[in-house]
Structure formats: structure tokens, C-alpha cells
Protein backbone atom coordinates (compact mmCIF):
# COMPACT_ATOMS: atom_id res chain seq x y z
CA MET A 1 11.04 9.79 9.16
CA GLY A 2 13.11 9.53 5.98
CA LYS A 3 13.10 6.73 3.54
CA GLY A 4 11.34 3.79 5.59
CA GLY A 5 12.24 4.08 9.20
CA ILE A 6 8.66 3.23 10.45
CA VAL A 7 8.90 4.10 14.27
CA LYS A 8 6.14 3.74 17.04
CA GLY A 9 3.72 6.84 16.73
CA ASP A 10 4.55 7.22 13.03
CA ASN A 11 1.51 7.18 10.46
CA VAL A 12 2.34 5.75 7.17
CA LEU A 13 0.27 6.84 4.23
CA ILE A 14 -0.73 3.68 2.12
CA ARG A 15 -2.31 4.45 -1.01
CA ILE A 16 -4.34 1.47 -2.89
CA LEU A 17 -4.25 2.69 -6.55
CA GLY A 18 -7.00 0.99 -8.60
CA THR A 19 -10.29 1.57 -10.19
CA GLY A 20 -12.34 -0.36 -7.96
CA CYS A 21 -12.02 -3.82 -9.84
CA PRO A 22 -12.29 -7.12 -8.15
CA LYS A 23 -8.46 -7.33 -7.90
CA CYS A 24 -7.89 -3.63 -6.42
CA LYS A 25 -10.62 -4.37 -3.80
CA LYS A 26 -8.75 -7.76 -2.73
CA THR A 27 -5.57 -5.60 -2.69
CA TYR A 28 -7.40 -3.45 -0.23
CA GLU A 29 -8.22 -6.13 1.83
CA ASN A 30 -4.83 -7.69 1.86
CA VAL A 31 -3.11 -4.38 2.88
CA GLU A 32 -5.82 -3.72 5.46
CA LYS A 33 -5.27 -7.25 7.12
CA ALA A 34 -1.33 -6.91 6.87
CA VAL A 35 -1.52 -3.55 8.61
CA LYS A 36 -3.64 -5.07 11.38
CA GLU A 37 -1.45 -8.04 11.68
CA LEU A 38 1.68 -5.93 12.19
CA GLY A 39 -0.07 -3.49 14.38
CA ILE A 40 1.37 -0.43 12.22
CA ASP A 41 -0.38 3.06 12.56
CA ALA A 42 -1.34 3.48 8.78
CA GLU A 43 -3.75 5.52 7.02
CA ILE A 44 -4.89 3.60 4.04
CA VAL A 45 -6.47 5.60 0.99
CA LYS A 46 -8.22 4.09 -1.90
CA ILE A 47 -7.29 6.22 -5.24
CA GLU A 48 -9.71 5.44 -8.07
CA ASP A 49 -9.42 8.59 -10.37
CA ILE A 50 -7.38 7.37 -13.32
CA ASP A 51 -5.87 10.85 -13.69
CA GLU A 52 -4.24 10.21 -10.18
CA ILE A 53 -3.33 6.78 -10.61
CA SER A 54 -1.32 7.40 -13.77
CA GLU A 55 1.01 9.72 -11.83
CA TRP A 56 2.34 6.84 -10.11
CA ILE A 57 1.98 3.47 -11.93
CA MET A 58 0.77 2.14 -15.33
CA LEU A 59 -0.66 -1.35 -14.29
CA THR A 60 -3.11 -1.29 -11.30
CA PRO A 61 -3.68 -2.64 -8.87
CA GLY A 62 -0.83 -0.70 -7.16
CA VAL A 63 0.18 0.13 -3.45
CA VAL A 64 2.55 2.99 -2.57
CA PHE A 65 3.78 3.49 0.95
CA ASP A 66 4.15 7.01 1.62
CA ASN A 67 5.94 8.13 -1.71
CA VAL A 68 7.34 4.62 -2.42
CA ILE A 69 5.94 2.30 -4.80
CA ALA A 70 5.57 -1.38 -3.31
CA PHE A 71 3.60 -3.08 -5.64
CA GLU A 72 2.22 -2.57 -9.27
CA GLY A 73 0.25 -4.67 -11.59
CA LYS A 74 -0.27 -7.50 -9.10
CA VAL A 75 -2.46 -8.29 -6.05
CA PRO A 76 -0.13 -8.88 -3.16
CA THR A 77 -0.82 -11.38 -0.69
CA VAL A 78 -1.12 -10.41 3.05
CA GLU A 79 2.39 -11.95 3.67
CA GLU A 80 3.78 -10.13 0.87
CA VAL A 81 2.46 -6.77 2.15
CA LYS A 82 3.86 -7.35 5.45
CA LYS A 83 7.40 -8.43 4.25
CA GLU A 84 7.15 -5.15 2.10
CA LEU A 85 6.00 -3.32 5.23
CA MET A 86 8.99 -4.78 7.40
CA ASP A 87 11.62 -3.68 4.54
CA TYR A 88 10.16 -0.38 4.40
CA ALA A 89 10.54 -0.08 8.21
CA LYS A 90 14.27 -0.56 7.97
């Protein structure tokens, strides 16, 4: 798959980084909805361990597509997630 390049049958690993706060939960909901609306085959994983989170980002919530940080320190809207996923797919 390389950088980006989502093709049919690829499974994108999406990490939601956050300690379980309301903003982190909303981020998870928005990512889940965006993935469903786009019909992308994705595994969405919550990462709540602070040590693991700090390996990726400094501000929560965060969203990582495979190994690419997409969002940090903000709750992305469903539309923002969809746009980033589409850009990632290029």
C-alpha cells in the first residue's frame, strides 16, 4: 500500500488517541461515522494508554491513519475526517 493508496480490500488501521475524555469519545464517533459513510475497510482502535499516546502525539485527541498523524489536539468533524481519509487515499 505505501503512503496513502487505499484500494479496495486494503484495511486501514485508524488509531484514536485519547484518555477517554468526552472530546476523545466524540472523535471516535466522528471517525466511525466517516469510515461508514465512505465505505472504507478500516480497523478503528482506541489507544488510552498515556505512554503509548505520547509516542505519537502531545495533545489529545489524536487520529492516526496507519502510521500517519492526521489530527492532533482537536475534535475533527465527520467532514474533516472524510477529507483527510480521501487525501490519504491518493
